[in-house]
Amino acid sequence: MKQEIEDRNYLKKQLMFQGGMAPSQVDCQEYEELLKILSAKSREDRPMNAGDAHKKLAMLMGGG
């Protein structure tokens, strides 16, 4: 339990100092939703599904 509290406090600290959020904004958010948001990756950084990878490879090989 102590670790979870420390994790939440650290997350709030990061959001306030690096994310520019006010403490009242941070307290109104759902913790799990904030974790999902913070761990979100750009489309380029996400793994490709097999179909898209095959299409991209075919285009690179000139099979378009």
N, C-alpha and C. Protein backbone atom coordinates (compact mmCIF):
# COMPACT_ATOMS: atom_id res chain seq x y z
N MET A 1 0.82 -1.20 0.00
CA MET A 1 0.00 0.00 0.00
C MET A 1 0.86 1.26 0.00
N LYS A 2 1.95 1.22 0.77
CA LYS A 2 2.83 2.38 0.83
C LYS A 2 3.44 2.68 -0.54
N GLN A 3 3.77 1.63 -1.28
CA GLN A 3 4.34 1.82 -2.62
C GLN A 3 3.34 2.49 -3.56
N GLU A 4 2.08 2.09 -3.48
CA GLU A 4 1.04 2.69 -4.32
C GLU A 4 0.88 4.18 -4.02
N ILE A 5 0.90 4.52 -2.75
CA ILE A 5 0.78 5.93 -2.37
C ILE A 5 1.97 6.71 -2.91
N GLU A 6 3.16 6.16 -2.76
CA GLU A 6 4.36 6.82 -3.28
C GLU A 6 4.30 6.95 -4.80
N ASP A 7 3.80 5.90 -5.48
CA ASP A 7 3.64 5.96 -6.94
C ASP A 7 2.69 7.08 -7.35
N ARG A 8 1.59 7.19 -6.65
CA ARG A 8 0.62 8.26 -6.97
C ARG A 8 1.22 9.63 -6.72
N ASN A 9 1.92 9.77 -5.62
CA ASN A 9 2.55 11.07 -5.33
C ASN A 9 3.59 11.42 -6.38
N TYR A 10 4.37 10.44 -6.80
CA TYR A 10 5.38 10.69 -7.83
C TYR A 10 4.71 11.07 -9.15
N LEU A 11 3.63 10.39 -9.49
CA LEU A 11 2.90 10.71 -10.70
C LEU A 11 2.37 12.14 -10.65
N LYS A 12 1.80 12.52 -9.52
CA LYS A 12 1.30 13.89 -9.36
C LYS A 12 2.43 14.90 -9.52
N LYS A 13 3.57 14.59 -8.94
CA LYS A 13 4.73 15.48 -9.05
C LYS A 13 5.14 15.65 -10.51
N GLN A 14 5.20 14.54 -11.24
CA GLN A 14 5.57 14.60 -12.66
C GLN A 14 4.56 15.43 -13.45
N LEU A 15 3.28 15.20 -13.19
CA LEU A 15 2.25 15.94 -13.92
C LEU A 15 2.28 17.42 -13.62
N MET A 16 2.58 17.76 -12.38
CA MET A 16 2.61 19.18 -12.01
C MET A 16 3.85 19.88 -12.58
N PHE A 17 5.01 19.26 -12.44
CA PHE A 17 6.24 19.94 -12.84
C PHE A 17 6.57 19.78 -14.32
N GLN A 18 6.29 18.62 -14.89
CA GLN A 18 6.63 18.41 -16.29
C GLN A 18 5.42 18.57 -17.21
N GLY A 19 4.24 18.32 -16.68
CA GLY A 19 3.04 18.40 -17.49
C GLY A 19 2.30 19.71 -17.37
N GLY A 20 2.71 20.55 -16.43
CA GLY A 20 2.08 21.85 -16.28
C GLY A 20 0.67 21.81 -15.72
N MET A 21 0.32 20.74 -15.03
CA MET A 21 -1.01 20.62 -14.46
C MET A 21 -1.03 21.19 -13.05
N ALA A 22 -2.14 21.81 -12.69
CA ALA A 22 -2.33 22.31 -11.33
C ALA A 22 -2.67 21.14 -10.41
N PRO A 23 -2.31 21.23 -9.13
CA PRO A 23 -2.64 20.14 -8.20
C PRO A 23 -4.12 19.78 -8.19
N SER A 24 -4.99 20.75 -8.31
CA SER A 24 -6.43 20.46 -8.31
C SER A 24 -6.82 19.65 -9.55
N GLN A 25 -6.16 19.89 -10.68
CA GLN A 25 -6.44 19.11 -11.89
C GLN A 25 -5.99 17.67 -11.70
N VAL A 26 -4.83 17.50 -11.10
CA VAL A 26 -4.29 16.16 -10.90
C VAL A 26 -5.18 15.36 -9.97
N ASP A 27 -5.66 15.97 -8.90
CA ASP A 27 -6.50 15.27 -7.93
C ASP A 27 -7.85 14.87 -8.49
N CYS A 28 -8.32 15.54 -9.52
CA CYS A 28 -9.62 15.23 -10.10
C CYS A 28 -9.55 14.08 -11.11
N GLN A 29 -8.37 13.66 -11.47
CA GLN A 29 -8.21 12.62 -12.49
C GLN A 29 -8.19 11.23 -11.87
N GLU A 30 -8.59 10.26 -12.66
CA GLU A 30 -8.51 8.86 -12.25
C GLU A 30 -7.08 8.39 -12.43
N TYR A 31 -6.54 7.76 -11.42
CA TYR A 31 -5.14 7.32 -11.43
C TYR A 31 -4.86 6.37 -12.58
N GLU A 32 -5.72 5.36 -12.76
CA GLU A 32 -5.49 4.37 -13.82
C GLU A 32 -5.53 5.02 -15.20
N GLU A 33 -6.45 5.96 -15.38
CA GLU A 33 -6.55 6.65 -16.67
C GLU A 33 -5.30 7.49 -16.92
N LEU A 34 -4.77 8.13 -15.88
CA LEU A 34 -3.54 8.91 -16.04
C LEU A 34 -2.38 7.99 -16.43
N LEU A 35 -2.32 6.81 -15.84
CA LEU A 35 -1.25 5.88 -16.19
C LEU A 35 -1.35 5.46 -17.66
N LYS A 36 -2.55 5.23 -18.13
CA LYS A 36 -2.75 4.88 -19.54
C LYS A 36 -2.30 6.02 -20.44
N ILE A 37 -2.67 7.23 -20.06
CA ILE A 37 -2.31 8.40 -20.86
C ILE A 37 -0.80 8.58 -20.90
N LEU A 38 -0.15 8.45 -19.75
CA LEU A 38 1.29 8.66 -19.68
C LEU A 38 2.07 7.57 -20.41
N SER A 39 1.51 6.38 -20.51
CA SER A 39 2.23 5.30 -21.19
C SER A 39 1.87 5.19 -22.67
N ALA A 40 0.99 6.06 -23.15
CA ALA A 40 0.59 6.03 -24.55
C ALA A 40 1.79 6.34 -25.46
N LYS A 41 1.83 5.65 -26.57
CA LYS A 41 2.92 5.83 -27.54
C LYS A 41 2.37 6.41 -28.83
N SER A 42 3.21 7.12 -29.54
CA SER A 42 2.80 7.64 -30.84
C SER A 42 2.60 6.47 -31.78
N ARG A 43 1.88 6.70 -32.85
CA ARG A 43 1.59 5.62 -33.81
C ARG A 43 2.88 5.00 -34.35
N GLU A 44 3.91 5.84 -34.56
CA GLU A 44 5.18 5.35 -35.09
C GLU A 44 5.91 4.45 -34.10
N ASP A 45 5.66 4.65 -32.81
CA ASP A 45 6.35 3.87 -31.78
C ASP A 45 5.60 2.60 -31.38
N ARG A 46 4.37 2.44 -31.88
CA ARG A 46 3.58 1.25 -31.55
C ARG A 46 3.94 0.10 -32.49
N PRO A 47 3.83 -1.14 -32.01
CA PRO A 47 4.07 -2.27 -32.91
C PRO A 47 3.02 -2.32 -34.01
N MET A 48 3.44 -2.75 -35.19
CA MET A 48 2.54 -2.87 -36.33
C MET A 48 1.86 -4.22 -36.30
N ASN A 49 0.61 -4.27 -36.77
CA ASN A 49 -0.01 -5.58 -36.90
C ASN A 49 0.56 -6.26 -38.15
N ALA A 50 0.36 -7.54 -38.27
CA ALA A 50 0.98 -8.32 -39.35
C ALA A 50 0.56 -7.83 -40.73
N GLY A 51 -0.71 -7.50 -40.91
CA GLY A 51 -1.19 -7.04 -42.20
C GLY A 51 -0.53 -5.74 -42.64
N ASP A 52 -0.43 -4.78 -41.73
CA ASP A 52 0.20 -3.50 -42.06
C ASP A 52 1.70 -3.68 -42.32
N ALA A 53 2.34 -4.55 -41.55
CA ALA A 53 3.77 -4.80 -41.75
C ALA A 53 4.00 -5.42 -43.12
N HIS A 54 3.13 -6.34 -43.51
CA HIS A 54 3.27 -6.98 -44.82
C HIS A 54 3.09 -5.96 -45.95
N LYS A 55 2.10 -5.09 -45.82
CA LYS A 55 1.87 -4.05 -46.83
C LYS A 55 3.07 -3.12 -46.94
N LYS A 56 3.61 -2.71 -45.79
CA LYS A 56 4.75 -1.80 -45.80
C LYS A 56 5.97 -2.47 -46.43
N LEU A 57 6.20 -3.72 -46.09
CA LEU A 57 7.32 -4.45 -46.67
C LEU A 57 7.15 -4.62 -48.17
N ALA A 58 5.92 -4.92 -48.61
CA ALA A 58 5.65 -5.08 -50.05
C ALA A 58 5.92 -3.77 -50.78
N MET A 59 5.55 -2.65 -50.18
CA MET A 59 5.80 -1.35 -50.81
C MET A 59 7.29 -1.07 -50.90
N LEU A 60 8.03 -1.41 -49.84
CA LEU A 60 9.47 -1.19 -49.84
C LEU A 60 10.18 -2.06 -50.87
N MET A 61 9.63 -3.23 -51.13
CA MET A 61 10.24 -4.15 -52.09
C MET A 61 9.76 -3.88 -53.50
N GLY A 62 8.89 -2.88 -53.67
CA GLY A 62 8.44 -2.51 -55.01
C GLY A 62 7.22 -3.28 -55.48
N GLY A 63 6.60 -4.02 -54.58
CA GLY A 63 5.43 -4.81 -54.96
C GLY A 63 4.13 -4.09 -54.80
N GLY A 64 4.16 -2.87 -54.22
CA GLY A 64 3.08 -1.97 -54.01
C GLY A 64 1.77 -2.52 -53.79
